[in-house]
Amino acid sequence: MAQRPSMDLSKLSTADKILLGAGLLFVIDTFLPWQRVCVEGFGDFPGVCASASAWGGNGAFAGVLAAIFAIALIAWVGMHVAGAGVNLNVNMSPAMITAILAAGAVLFGLIKFLLVITNSPGFGAFLGIVLLVAIAYGGYMKWQESKLALPPAATQPPPGPPPVG
């Protein structure tokens, strides 16, 4: 039987730990109330409150895209942690792909936050922005890793003199 690749958490970089932790917490946060609206009751009628998660409410498209990018980020980093090598045949390092996924989650999460903050924000929106800052920091750290991992560009010698004719 072939042995399965084992998960070695000691090989995780700080950026990977931040991205996995903050990404997972952000996905959970998208299900918390990002918007809350309450209407006071009058007479014998009680008041009513309604809330919307990041998946709904104002800017639902941005919340959905932020969550999808965060899920993709968790899956991508998780595959590398598990030792499952993925060859996408792209001219980018895995660290650069990680940084791009983190940037997508942060960009769309920030758009969602800006659309929510102007219209009855809930506690999930404020928790979400803190987690997005953590994802942005982890993505920046991973991007720095990708810059360090690239080999130096090869320099070519200057062209020789033109042939004499």
C-alpha atoms as a PDB file:
ATOM      1  CA  MET A   1       0.000   0.000   0.000  1.00  0.00           C
ATOM      2  CA  ALA A   2       1.159   3.482  -0.745  1.00  0.00           C
ATOM      3  CA  GLN A   3       1.622   5.744   2.217  1.00  0.00           C
ATOM      4  CA  ARG A   4      -0.457   8.869   2.429  1.00  0.00           C
ATOM      5  CA  PRO A   5       1.356  12.159   2.841  1.00  0.00           C
ATOM      6  CA  SER A   6       1.300  13.208   6.474  1.00  0.00           C
ATOM      7  CA  MET A   7       0.478  16.644   7.796  1.00  0.00           C
ATOM      8  CA  ASP A   8       3.511  18.239   9.374  1.00  0.00           C
ATOM      9  CA  LEU A   9       2.311  21.395  11.095  1.00  0.00           C
ATOM     10  CA  SER A  10       5.863  22.288  12.122  1.00  0.00           C
ATOM     11  CA  LYS A  11       6.617  23.055   8.464  1.00  0.00           C
ATOM     12  CA  LEU A  12       3.904  25.714   8.390  1.00  0.00           C
ATOM     13  CA  SER A  13       5.172  29.231   7.946  1.00  0.00           C
ATOM     14  CA  THR A  14       3.781  32.017  10.094  1.00  0.00           C
ATOM     15  CA  ALA A  15       1.946  33.335   7.035  1.00  0.00           C
ATOM     16  CA  ASP A  16       0.264  29.956   6.501  1.00  0.00           C
ATOM     17  CA  LYS A  17      -0.834  29.814  10.148  1.00  0.00           C
ATOM     18  CA  ILE A  18      -2.291  33.318   9.956  1.00  0.00           C
ATOM     19  CA  LEU A  19      -4.038  32.625   6.646  1.00  0.00           C
ATOM     20  CA  LEU A  20      -5.547  29.320   7.782  1.00  0.00           C
ATOM     21  CA  GLY A  21      -6.718  30.678  11.136  1.00  0.00           C
ATOM     22  CA  ALA A  22      -8.036  34.028   9.955  1.00  0.00           C
ATOM     23  CA  GLY A  23      -9.516  32.501   6.783  1.00  0.00           C
ATOM     24  CA  LEU A  24     -11.437  29.866   8.719  1.00  0.00           C
ATOM     25  CA  LEU A  25     -12.686  32.414  11.251  1.00  0.00           C
ATOM     26  CA  PHE A  26     -13.698  34.778   8.431  1.00  0.00           C
ATOM     27  CA  VAL A  27     -15.766  32.075   6.710  1.00  0.00           C
ATOM     28  CA  ILE A  28     -17.523  31.416  10.036  1.00  0.00           C
ATOM     29  CA  ASP A  29     -17.982  35.175  10.495  1.00  0.00           C
ATOM     30  CA  THR A  30     -19.777  35.482   7.147  1.00  0.00           C
ATOM     31  CA  PHE A  31     -22.707  33.623   8.738  1.00  0.00           C
ATOM     32  CA  LEU A  32     -22.971  36.075  11.660  1.00  0.00           C
ATOM     33  CA  PRO A  33     -25.172  39.198  11.429  1.00  0.00           C
ATOM     34  CA  TRP A  34     -23.409  41.824   9.337  1.00  0.00           C
ATOM     35  CA  GLN A  35     -26.520  44.035   9.304  1.00  0.00           C
ATOM     36  CA  ARG A  36     -29.277  44.465  11.867  1.00  0.00           C
ATOM     37  CA  VAL A  37     -32.414  46.543  11.593  1.00  0.00           C
ATOM     38  CA  CYS A  38     -34.976  46.986  14.377  1.00  0.00           C
ATOM     39  CA  VAL A  39     -38.397  48.611  14.252  1.00  0.00           C
ATOM     40  CA  GLU A  40     -39.986  49.692  17.517  1.00  0.00           C
ATOM     41  CA  GLY A  41     -43.440  48.445  18.270  1.00  0.00           C
ATOM     42  CA  PHE A  42     -46.372  50.684  19.026  1.00  0.00           C
ATOM     43  CA  GLY A  43     -49.404  50.072  21.168  1.00  0.00           C
ATOM     44  CA  ASP A  44     -49.871  46.356  21.785  1.00  0.00           C
ATOM     45  CA  PHE A  45     -47.543  45.382  18.942  1.00  0.00           C
ATOM     46  CA  PRO A  46     -44.008  44.340  19.874  1.00  0.00           C
ATOM     47  CA  GLY A  47     -40.930  45.556  18.026  1.00  0.00           C
ATOM     48  CA  VAL A  48     -39.321  43.496  15.300  1.00  0.00           C
ATOM     49  CA  CYS A  49     -35.645  42.996  14.443  1.00  0.00           C
ATOM     50  CA  ALA A  50     -34.117  41.453  11.348  1.00  0.00           C
ATOM     51  CA  SER A  51     -30.524  40.722  10.441  1.00  0.00           C
ATOM     52  CA  ALA A  52     -28.535  39.724   7.371  1.00  0.00           C
ATOM     53  CA  SER A  53     -25.246  37.861   7.132  1.00  0.00           C
ATOM     54  CA  ALA A  54     -22.440  38.649   4.693  1.00  0.00           C
ATOM     55  CA  TRP A  55     -24.216  36.359   2.224  1.00  0.00           C
ATOM     56  CA  GLY A  56     -27.220  38.734   2.069  1.00  0.00           C
ATOM     57  CA  GLY A  57     -28.170  42.332   2.726  1.00  0.00           C
ATOM     58  CA  ASN A  58     -26.428  45.259   1.069  1.00  0.00           C
ATOM     59  CA  GLY A  59     -23.663  44.171  -1.290  1.00  0.00           C
ATOM     60  CA  ALA A  60     -24.484  40.472  -1.075  1.00  0.00           C
ATOM     61  CA  PHE A  61     -22.402  39.837  -4.213  1.00  0.00           C
ATOM     62  CA  ALA A  62     -19.279  41.114  -2.448  1.00  0.00           C
ATOM     63  CA  GLY A  63     -19.942  39.023   0.649  1.00  0.00           C
ATOM     64  CA  VAL A  64     -20.433  35.884  -1.415  1.00  0.00           C
ATOM     65  CA  LEU A  65     -17.254  36.517  -3.435  1.00  0.00           C
ATOM     66  CA  ALA A  66     -15.252  37.269  -0.269  1.00  0.00           C
ATOM     67  CA  ALA A  67     -16.428  33.991   1.264  1.00  0.00           C
ATOM     68  CA  ILE A  68     -15.634  32.044  -1.924  1.00  0.00           C
ATOM     69  CA  PHE A  69     -12.121  33.522  -2.061  1.00  0.00           C
ATOM     70  CA  ALA A  70     -11.633  32.713   1.642  1.00  0.00           C
ATOM     71  CA  ILE A  71     -12.800  29.108   1.122  1.00  0.00           C
ATOM     72  CA  ALA A  72     -10.473  28.766  -1.877  1.00  0.00           C
ATOM     73  CA  LEU A  73      -7.642  30.223   0.225  1.00  0.00           C
ATOM     74  CA  ILE A  74      -8.250  27.708   3.027  1.00  0.00           C
ATOM     75  CA  ALA A  75      -8.390  24.828   0.530  1.00  0.00           C
ATOM     76  CA  TRP A  76      -5.226  25.985  -1.285  1.00  0.00           C
ATOM     77  CA  VAL A  77      -3.150  26.445   1.873  1.00  0.00           C
ATOM     78  CA  GLY A  78      -4.623  23.266   3.361  1.00  0.00           C
ATOM     79  CA  MET A  79      -3.553  21.229   0.336  1.00  0.00           C
ATOM     80  CA  HIS A  80       0.005  22.462   0.683  1.00  0.00           C
ATOM     81  CA  VAL A  81      -0.005  21.763   4.427  1.00  0.00           C
ATOM     82  CA  ALA A  82      -1.247  18.229   3.746  1.00  0.00           C
ATOM     83  CA  GLY A  83       1.551  17.719   1.238  1.00  0.00           C
ATOM     84  CA  ALA A  84      -0.723  17.401  -1.771  1.00  0.00           C
ATOM     85  CA  GLY A  85       1.330  18.983  -4.515  1.00  0.00           C
ATOM     86  CA  VAL A  86      -0.854  20.741  -7.050  1.00  0.00           C
ATOM     87  CA  ASN A  87       0.583  21.616 -10.440  1.00  0.00           C
ATOM     88  CA  LEU A  88      -1.536  24.265 -12.139  1.00  0.00           C
ATOM     89  CA  ASN A  89       0.939  24.867 -14.974  1.00  0.00           C
ATOM     90  CA  VAL A  90       0.939  28.610 -14.390  1.00  0.00           C
ATOM     91  CA  ASN A  91       3.961  30.853 -14.311  1.00  0.00           C
ATOM     92  CA  MET A  92       3.478  31.720 -10.621  1.00  0.00           C
ATOM     93  CA  SER A  93       4.782  30.332  -7.388  1.00  0.00           C
ATOM     94  CA  PRO A  94       2.320  28.724  -4.954  1.00  0.00           C
ATOM     95  CA  ALA A  95       3.051  31.588  -2.544  1.00  0.00           C
ATOM     96  CA  MET A  96       1.967  34.120  -5.183  1.00  0.00           C
ATOM     97  CA  ILE A  97      -1.288  32.215  -5.808  1.00  0.00           C
ATOM     98  CA  THR A  98      -1.887  32.232  -2.042  1.00  0.00           C
ATOM     99  CA  ALA A  99      -1.338  35.993  -1.942  1.00  0.00           C
ATOM    100  CA  ILE A 100      -3.753  36.519  -4.853  1.00  0.00           C
ATOM    101  CA  LEU A 101      -6.486  34.465  -3.146  1.00  0.00           C
ATOM    102  CA  ALA A 102      -5.948  36.446   0.063  1.00  0.00           C
ATOM    103  CA  ALA A 103      -6.152  39.722  -1.879  1.00  0.00           C
ATOM    104  CA  GLY A 104      -9.451  38.637  -3.469  1.00  0.00           C
ATOM    105  CA  ALA A 105     -10.964  37.817  -0.074  1.00  0.00           C
ATOM    106  CA  VAL A 106      -9.782  41.133   1.363  1.00  0.00           C
ATOM    107  CA  LEU A 107     -10.925  43.213  -1.623  1.00  0.00           C
ATOM    108  CA  PHE A 108     -14.460  41.827  -1.746  1.00  0.00           C
ATOM    109  CA  GLY A 109     -14.713  41.704   2.052  1.00  0.00           C
ATOM    110  CA  LEU A 110     -13.768  45.377   2.220  1.00  0.00           C
ATOM    111  CA  ILE A 111     -16.358  46.248  -0.440  1.00  0.00           C
ATOM    112  CA  LYS A 112     -18.998  44.368   1.581  1.00  0.00           C
ATOM    113  CA  PHE A 113     -17.929  46.161   4.769  1.00  0.00           C
ATOM    114  CA  LEU A 114     -18.116  49.590   3.118  1.00  0.00           C
ATOM    115  CA  LEU A 115     -21.601  48.856   1.777  1.00  0.00           C
ATOM    116  CA  VAL A 116     -22.793  47.586   5.170  1.00  0.00           C
ATOM    117  CA  ILE A 117     -21.235  50.244   7.397  1.00  0.00           C
ATOM    118  CA  THR A 118     -23.515  52.922   5.963  1.00  0.00           C
ATOM    119  CA  ASN A 119     -26.712  50.975   6.678  1.00  0.00           C
ATOM    120  CA  SER A 120     -27.227  49.448  10.150  1.00  0.00           C
ATOM    121  CA  PRO A 121     -24.017  47.447  10.630  1.00  0.00           C
ATOM    122  CA  GLY A 122     -24.017  44.422  12.923  1.00  0.00           C
ATOM    123  CA  PHE A 123     -21.209  43.020  15.053  1.00  0.00           C
ATOM    124  CA  GLY A 124     -20.266  40.501  12.342  1.00  0.00           C
ATOM    125  CA  ALA A 125     -19.164  43.341  10.060  1.00  0.00           C
ATOM    126  CA  PHE A 126     -16.745  44.717  12.648  1.00  0.00           C
ATOM    127  CA  LEU A 127     -15.384  41.271  13.466  1.00  0.00           C
ATOM    128  CA  GLY A 128     -15.070  40.660   9.726  1.00  0.00           C
ATOM    129  CA  ILE A 129     -12.949  43.751   9.122  1.00  0.00           C
ATOM    130  CA  VAL A 130     -10.530  42.681  11.879  1.00  0.00           C
ATOM    131  CA  LEU A 131     -10.234  39.229  10.297  1.00  0.00           C
ATOM    132  CA  LEU A 132      -9.734  40.802   6.864  1.00  0.00           C
ATOM    133  CA  VAL A 133      -6.814  42.811   8.240  1.00  0.00           C
ATOM    134  CA  ALA A 134      -5.307  39.544   9.519  1.00  0.00           C
ATOM    135  CA  ILE A 135      -5.828  37.886   6.112  1.00  0.00           C
ATOM    136  CA  ALA A 136      -4.246  40.904   4.402  1.00  0.00           C
ATOM    137  CA  TYR A 137      -1.220  40.665   6.690  1.00  0.00           C
ATOM    138  CA  GLY A 138      -0.886  36.922   6.081  1.00  0.00           C
ATOM    139  CA  GLY A 139      -1.198  37.463   2.331  1.00  0.00           C
ATOM    140  CA  TYR A 140       1.455  40.184   2.449  1.00  0.00           C
ATOM    141  CA  MET A 141       3.793  37.873   4.369  1.00  0.00           C
ATOM    142  CA  LYS A 142       3.195  35.106   1.817  1.00  0.00           C
ATOM    143  CA  TRP A 143       3.843  37.538  -1.044  1.00  0.00           C
ATOM    144  CA  GLN A 144       7.156  38.476   0.587  1.00  0.00           C
ATOM    145  CA  GLU A 145       8.008  34.763   0.788  1.00  0.00           C
ATOM    146  CA  SER A 146       7.345  34.413  -2.938  1.00  0.00           C
ATOM    147  CA  LYS A 147       9.682  37.320  -3.688  1.00  0.00           C
ATOM    148  CA  LEU A 148      12.433  35.724  -1.604  1.00  0.00           C
ATOM    149  CA  ALA A 149      11.926  32.307  -3.199  1.00  0.00           C
ATOM    150  CA  LEU A 150      12.403  33.504  -6.777  1.00  0.00           C
ATOM    151  CA  PRO A 151      15.849  32.831  -8.232  1.00  0.00           C
ATOM    152  CA  PRO A 152      17.792  35.899  -9.363  1.00  0.00           C
ATOM    153  CA  ALA A 153      17.248  36.859 -12.953  1.00  0.00           C
ATOM    154  CA  ALA A 154      19.955  35.605 -15.278  1.00  0.00           C
ATOM    155  CA  THR A 155      21.907  38.358 -16.957  1.00  0.00           C
ATOM    156  CA  GLN A 156      22.824  37.947 -20.579  1.00  0.00           C
ATOM    157  CA  PRO A 157      26.146  39.142 -21.940  1.00  0.00           C
ATOM    158  CA  PRO A 158      26.005  42.214 -24.167  1.00  0.00           C
ATOM    159  CA  PRO A 159      25.704  41.506 -27.882  1.00  0.00           C
ATOM    160  CA  GLY A 160      28.934  41.282 -29.848  1.00  0.00           C
ATOM    161  CA  PRO A 161      29.975  43.704 -32.565  1.00  0.00           C
ATOM    162  CA  PRO A 162      28.102  43.496 -35.860  1.00  0.00           C
ATOM    163  CA  PRO A 163      29.656  41.279 -38.526  1.00  0.00           C
ATOM    164  CA  VAL A 164      31.959  43.037 -40.919  1.00  0.00           C
ATOM    165  CA  GLY A 165      30.772  42.795 -44.314  1.00  0.00           C
END
